[in-house]
Structure formats: structure tokens, C-alpha cells
Amino acid sequence: MFVRGIMSLRILLTLSSLILISVSLSAEEFAVATFTRGKVSFLSVSDSSKLWKTLKVNDILKPGDRIKTGNGSKVDFLYQETEIRIQPNTDFTLKEWNSDKKVAKAYVEKGAAWFRVSNFKKGSFEVSTPTTTAGVRGTAFGVFFEEKEKKGYTCVCEGLVNINGSDFAKGSGGALKMGATDLEKNDYKDLITKEGATIQFREKRKEIAMLSRCLPCHKPVGWEDTSFTPDETYGKK
């Protein structure tokens, strides 16, 4: 009985080690949830029950997984130095992820997501909406799809991003309405400083409603707006 108990203990320890190794490898290979707020649901591609579940910190984002956030909700994912921040009222799907080939593709059906990309080849990290596709040539950018407008937006925070075949630099962006053929080009330079969103930003927002999506990360300076929840994790990675 004693020998049998020892063998059972060894088997249990071996299985535990294999599970820990598997989790460790998965965490190194894919993006891991580092922060959640509010109601964040996900549909795992590997879950045969096809049931939506609550996403928690340390959950892993795998190819085929779909994420939905509610009002005031968000989730942050981190892979090495690459960040994915999914904002409130967003429907997001990770279409492809290959850490060996440094290739990733994601889809924002509605809502907003922000990305800071590292460890990927130029142009190999793509994020699409129903009307736009943004391929990274630089580092940080936001992708939005506004359902009421039926319009996809991309704004470039750092570096260079290719939007539907055209390159955009920091402080600029492109937008395309469903059914349209010409990409709308926008300039956001000097609207946001290190301190936050300026008075000029407030005025520009009247013209481009999508800019309100920037306020959780860039607080108003010299004016007020209580319609958003500040992103307490922005700039802390």
C-alpha cells in the first residue's frame, strides 16, 4: 500500500508539472489577459459547448476566440511587449496568431480597440473592421467601427500604419463608410498633448464623433466631460 501510494503521488506530481508547463508555454505563445473591468465575455474556439463565459485575468487569447465587452467594461491583453486594449461595447475576434512567424490578424466588428505592437514583422499585424484594414508599419494605433455611422476608423498614435493601401503617420488617420470607395483622411496633430485632450480636440470631436473613444486614455485639459470611464492602466505597461 505504501509503495502504491508513493507511485500515485509521483504520477500526480508529474501530471501537475505537465499542466504547469503547458500553461507556461501557452502564456509565452499567446496574449494573456492582464486587466479586466466590468462585464467581459468570451467565446473560446476550443470550448465545444460554444457557451459565452466570463473572461478573467490570466485567461489566454487564442486564434478564433471572440471577446465582447459591455458598458464601461474593458480588457487588456499582453504578449511580451505587444498590448491589446479592448474598449467598452466592443465585439472583437482574434482571427490569426502565430508567434513563430510573427503574424497576427484581428477583427473589430463594432466598438474600439487599441494596439501597441512589438515583436511582429512589419505589416504582419493586421486589424480589420467591416470597411477598413490596418497593417502595422510602426507601433501604436487605434481601430474603431461605429455602428450608427457604419464607418470604420483608424488613428495612428505612434509610428506608421497602412490603412486600406495608404500609409498614415503619427497624428493622422483614415476612415471609410460602408458602401463608399474613397478613404477619408483625417489629421489629429496637436489635438492631444502629453497633458491630455486639448480644447481643439473638443472642437474637432464635434466633426468626428469617433474621437470620443480617445478620452479614456487622454483626459480633457481645460474642459470637462463625464461621459467616459478613465483607463486606469493606460501608460503603465
Foldseek 3Di string as FASTA:
>chain_A
DVVVVVVVVVVVVVVVVVVVVVLVVQVQQFWFWADKDAFKWKQDPPDPVRDIDGDDGGDTAAAFMKMAAAVQIWIWIDHPHKIKIFGHGWIKHWHDGGLVQQATEMETAAAKMKIFDDSHDFQRYWYYYPWKIKGHRHTIKMWHAHPVQQKIKIAAQAAWIAMPRRIDHHQKIWMDHPPDDDIDIGGRPPQADPQFGEPVLVVVCVVPVVSVSCCLDGPYDPDDDDPHHHDPCPPVD
